[in-house]
Amino acid sequence: MSLSAKEFSNTGPFRAVYFDGPQSDRDPDGEEIPAWVVYVGDADAEPTGTVYTLHHFKSAELLAYQMASDRRLDLIHEATPPDL
């Protein structure tokens, strides 16, 4: 297989999967709860599509790793787990 094969070529703009949080969110009762975001973004960390908001750290982390693997993108992991 050639290194210039399509799956190894990076001729487009920079993209990465970003995993960040926790951020403040509200539950249906109005209580403050932590939320983590996962999205594909550009070099300035601006989302290029859907931003997924999750309220469980492990679920968000698994989604981030899976998205990076599926899309063959770098993962920018800047999230911290909740204080237990």
N, C-alpha and C. Protein backbone atom coordinates (compact mmCIF):
# COMPACT_ATOMS: atom_id res chain seq x y z
N MET A 1 0.84 -1.17 0.00
CA MET A 1 0.00 0.00 0.00
C MET A 1 0.89 1.24 0.00
N SER A 2 0.56 2.19 -0.81
CA SER A 2 1.32 3.42 -0.93
C SER A 2 0.95 4.41 0.17
N LEU A 3 1.94 5.16 0.66
CA LEU A 3 1.66 6.18 1.66
C LEU A 3 0.88 7.35 1.08
N SER A 4 0.80 7.42 -0.23
CA SER A 4 0.01 8.48 -0.85
C SER A 4 -1.42 8.04 -1.11
N ALA A 5 -1.79 6.87 -0.57
CA ALA A 5 -3.15 6.39 -0.70
C ALA A 5 -4.11 7.41 -0.10
N LYS A 6 -5.33 7.44 -0.61
CA LYS A 6 -6.31 8.44 -0.19
C LYS A 6 -6.49 8.50 1.32
N GLU A 7 -6.51 7.35 2.01
CA GLU A 7 -6.75 7.35 3.44
C GLU A 7 -5.59 7.94 4.24
N PHE A 8 -4.42 8.14 3.62
CA PHE A 8 -3.28 8.72 4.32
C PHE A 8 -3.00 10.15 3.86
N SER A 9 -3.76 10.64 2.92
CA SER A 9 -3.54 11.99 2.40
C SER A 9 -4.26 13.00 3.27
N ASN A 10 -3.57 14.08 3.61
CA ASN A 10 -4.17 15.16 4.38
C ASN A 10 -4.05 16.42 3.55
N THR A 11 -4.94 16.55 2.57
CA THR A 11 -4.86 17.70 1.68
C THR A 11 -5.91 18.74 2.02
N GLY A 12 -6.82 18.43 2.93
CA GLY A 12 -7.88 19.37 3.28
C GLY A 12 -7.53 20.16 4.51
N PRO A 13 -8.48 20.96 4.96
CA PRO A 13 -8.25 21.77 6.17
C PRO A 13 -8.12 20.90 7.41
N PHE A 14 -7.45 21.42 8.44
CA PHE A 14 -7.27 20.70 9.69
C PHE A 14 -8.62 20.41 10.33
N ARG A 15 -8.81 19.20 10.80
CA ARG A 15 -9.99 18.80 11.55
C ARG A 15 -9.53 17.90 12.69
N ALA A 16 -10.21 17.97 13.81
CA ALA A 16 -9.94 17.09 14.95
C ALA A 16 -11.23 16.91 15.73
N VAL A 17 -11.27 15.88 16.54
CA VAL A 17 -12.39 15.69 17.47
C VAL A 17 -12.00 16.37 18.78
N TYR A 18 -12.87 17.23 19.26
CA TYR A 18 -12.63 17.96 20.50
C TYR A 18 -13.54 17.41 21.59
N PHE A 19 -12.96 17.21 22.77
CA PHE A 19 -13.69 16.73 23.95
C PHE A 19 -13.38 17.70 25.08
N ASP A 20 -14.40 18.43 25.54
CA ASP A 20 -14.18 19.50 26.51
C ASP A 20 -15.27 19.47 27.58
N GLY A 21 -14.93 20.02 28.73
CA GLY A 21 -15.89 20.14 29.82
C GLY A 21 -15.22 19.81 31.13
N PRO A 22 -15.94 19.89 32.21
CA PRO A 22 -17.39 20.10 32.25
C PRO A 22 -17.76 21.57 32.10
N GLN A 23 -18.94 21.76 31.54
CA GLN A 23 -19.56 23.06 31.44
C GLN A 23 -20.84 23.02 32.25
N SER A 24 -21.34 24.16 32.61
CA SER A 24 -22.56 24.23 33.39
C SER A 24 -23.78 24.04 32.50
N ASP A 25 -24.71 23.21 32.94
CA ASP A 25 -25.97 22.98 32.24
C ASP A 25 -27.05 22.87 33.31
N ARG A 26 -28.28 22.76 32.91
CA ARG A 26 -29.41 22.66 33.84
C ARG A 26 -30.23 21.42 33.53
N ASP A 27 -30.69 20.74 34.59
CA ASP A 27 -31.59 19.60 34.41
C ASP A 27 -33.02 20.14 34.29
N PRO A 28 -34.01 19.27 34.04
CA PRO A 28 -35.40 19.73 33.88
C PRO A 28 -35.95 20.48 35.11
N ASP A 29 -35.39 20.22 36.29
CA ASP A 29 -35.84 20.90 37.50
C ASP A 29 -35.11 22.22 37.72
N GLY A 30 -34.20 22.58 36.82
CA GLY A 30 -33.47 23.82 36.96
C GLY A 30 -32.20 23.72 37.78
N GLU A 31 -31.87 22.52 38.23
CA GLU A 31 -30.64 22.32 39.02
C GLU A 31 -29.43 22.34 38.11
N GLU A 32 -28.34 22.90 38.61
CA GLU A 32 -27.10 22.95 37.83
C GLU A 32 -26.46 21.56 37.80
N ILE A 33 -26.08 21.12 36.60
CA ILE A 33 -25.42 19.83 36.41
C ILE A 33 -24.26 20.00 35.44
N PRO A 34 -23.25 19.12 35.51
CA PRO A 34 -22.12 19.23 34.57
C PRO A 34 -22.49 18.63 33.21
N ALA A 35 -21.87 19.17 32.17
CA ALA A 35 -22.07 18.66 30.82
C ALA A 35 -20.73 18.69 30.09
N TRP A 36 -20.52 17.71 29.22
CA TRP A 36 -19.31 17.64 28.40
C TRP A 36 -19.73 17.71 26.95
N VAL A 37 -18.88 18.31 26.12
CA VAL A 37 -19.19 18.45 24.70
C VAL A 37 -18.16 17.70 23.87
N VAL A 38 -18.63 17.13 22.77
CA VAL A 38 -17.81 16.39 21.82
C VAL A 38 -18.22 16.86 20.43
N TYR A 39 -17.23 17.22 19.62
CA TYR A 39 -17.54 17.69 18.27
C TYR A 39 -16.30 17.64 17.39
N VAL A 40 -16.53 17.66 16.08
CA VAL A 40 -15.45 17.82 15.13
C VAL A 40 -15.29 19.32 14.92
N GLY A 41 -14.03 19.77 15.03
CA GLY A 41 -13.77 21.20 14.88
C GLY A 41 -12.57 21.48 14.01
N ASP A 42 -12.40 22.76 13.71
CA ASP A 42 -11.28 23.19 12.87
C ASP A 42 -10.07 23.56 13.73
N ALA A 43 -9.08 24.17 13.12
CA ALA A 43 -7.84 24.50 13.82
C ALA A 43 -8.06 25.50 14.95
N ASP A 44 -9.14 26.27 14.89
CA ASP A 44 -9.47 27.23 15.95
C ASP A 44 -10.44 26.65 16.97
N ALA A 45 -10.67 25.35 16.91
CA ALA A 45 -11.60 24.62 17.80
C ALA A 45 -13.04 25.07 17.60
N GLU A 46 -13.35 25.59 16.43
CA GLU A 46 -14.73 25.96 16.10
C GLU A 46 -15.43 24.73 15.52
N PRO A 47 -16.63 24.41 16.01
CA PRO A 47 -17.35 23.24 15.49
C PRO A 47 -17.62 23.36 13.99
N THR A 48 -17.51 22.24 13.30
CA THR A 48 -17.79 22.20 11.87
C THR A 48 -19.08 21.43 11.58
N GLY A 49 -19.76 20.98 12.62
CA GLY A 49 -20.99 20.22 12.47
C GLY A 49 -21.70 20.12 13.80
N THR A 50 -22.30 18.99 14.05
CA THR A 50 -23.07 18.76 15.26
C THR A 50 -22.18 18.80 16.50
N VAL A 51 -22.67 19.45 17.55
CA VAL A 51 -22.01 19.46 18.85
C VAL A 51 -22.86 18.57 19.77
N TYR A 52 -22.24 17.51 20.27
CA TYR A 52 -22.93 16.58 21.16
C TYR A 52 -22.69 16.99 22.60
N THR A 53 -23.76 17.15 23.38
CA THR A 53 -23.68 17.49 24.79
C THR A 53 -24.13 16.28 25.59
N LEU A 54 -23.25 15.82 26.48
CA LEU A 54 -23.55 14.64 27.29
C LEU A 54 -23.38 14.98 28.76
N HIS A 55 -24.16 14.32 29.61
CA HIS A 55 -24.14 14.61 31.04
C HIS A 55 -23.41 13.55 31.86
N HIS A 56 -22.79 12.61 31.19
CA HIS A 56 -22.00 11.57 31.86
C HIS A 56 -20.61 11.56 31.23
N PHE A 57 -19.60 11.77 32.05
CA PHE A 57 -18.22 11.88 31.56
C PHE A 57 -17.81 10.66 30.74
N LYS A 58 -18.03 9.46 31.26
CA LYS A 58 -17.57 8.25 30.57
C LYS A 58 -18.25 8.09 29.21
N SER A 59 -19.54 8.41 29.14
CA SER A 59 -20.25 8.32 27.86
C SER A 59 -19.67 9.31 26.86
N ALA A 60 -19.38 10.52 27.31
CA ALA A 60 -18.79 11.53 26.44
C ALA A 60 -17.40 11.11 25.99
N GLU A 61 -16.61 10.57 26.91
CA GLU A 61 -15.26 10.14 26.58
C GLU A 61 -15.28 9.00 25.55
N LEU A 62 -16.16 8.04 25.74
CA LEU A 62 -16.27 6.94 24.77
C LEU A 62 -16.69 7.45 23.40
N LEU A 63 -17.64 8.39 23.37
CA LEU A 63 -18.08 8.97 22.09
C LEU A 63 -16.91 9.67 21.41
N ALA A 64 -16.13 10.43 22.16
CA ALA A 64 -14.99 11.17 21.59
C ALA A 64 -13.98 10.20 20.98
N TYR A 65 -13.62 9.16 21.71
CA TYR A 65 -12.66 8.19 21.19
C TYR A 65 -13.20 7.49 19.95
N GLN A 66 -14.48 7.15 19.96
CA GLN A 66 -15.08 6.45 18.82
C GLN A 66 -15.14 7.36 17.59
N MET A 67 -15.53 8.63 17.79
CA MET A 67 -15.57 9.56 16.67
C MET A 67 -14.18 9.76 16.06
N ALA A 68 -13.17 9.91 16.91
CA ALA A 68 -11.80 10.10 16.41
C ALA A 68 -11.33 8.88 15.63
N SER A 69 -11.64 7.70 16.15
CA SER A 69 -11.24 6.47 15.48
C SER A 69 -11.98 6.31 14.15
N ASP A 70 -13.29 6.48 14.16
CA ASP A 70 -14.09 6.32 12.94
C ASP A 70 -13.69 7.29 11.84
N ARG A 71 -13.38 8.51 12.23
CA ARG A 71 -13.07 9.56 11.26
C ARG A 71 -11.57 9.69 10.98
N ARG A 72 -10.76 8.90 11.71
CA ARG A 72 -9.30 8.95 11.58
C ARG A 72 -8.78 10.37 11.81
N LEU A 73 -9.26 10.95 12.91
CA LEU A 73 -8.86 12.31 13.28
C LEU A 73 -8.16 12.28 14.63
N ASP A 74 -7.36 13.30 14.89
CA ASP A 74 -6.75 13.46 16.21
C ASP A 74 -7.84 13.78 17.22
N LEU A 75 -7.61 13.37 18.46
CA LEU A 75 -8.52 13.70 19.56
C LEU A 75 -7.85 14.75 20.43
N ILE A 76 -8.51 15.88 20.60
CA ILE A 76 -8.04 16.94 21.49
C ILE A 76 -8.85 16.79 22.78
N HIS A 77 -8.27 16.12 23.76
CA HIS A 77 -8.96 15.76 25.02
C HIS A 77 -8.61 16.79 26.08
N GLU A 78 -9.53 17.73 26.31
CA GLU A 78 -9.31 18.77 27.30
C GLU A 78 -10.36 18.70 28.41
N ALA A 79 -11.07 17.60 28.48
CA ALA A 79 -12.12 17.42 29.49
C ALA A 79 -11.53 16.87 30.79
N THR A 80 -12.20 17.19 31.87
CA THR A 80 -11.83 16.63 33.17
C THR A 80 -13.03 15.90 33.74
N PRO A 81 -12.78 14.80 34.45
CA PRO A 81 -13.90 14.05 35.04
C PRO A 81 -14.52 14.86 36.19
N PRO A 82 -15.74 14.49 36.56
CA PRO A 82 -16.41 15.21 37.63
C PRO A 82 -15.72 14.93 38.98
N ASP A 83 -15.87 15.87 39.88
CA ASP A 83 -15.39 15.66 41.25
C ASP A 83 -16.34 14.68 41.93
N LEU A 84 -15.78 13.63 42.47
CA LEU A 84 -16.63 12.64 43.15
C LEU A 84 -16.52 12.76 44.64
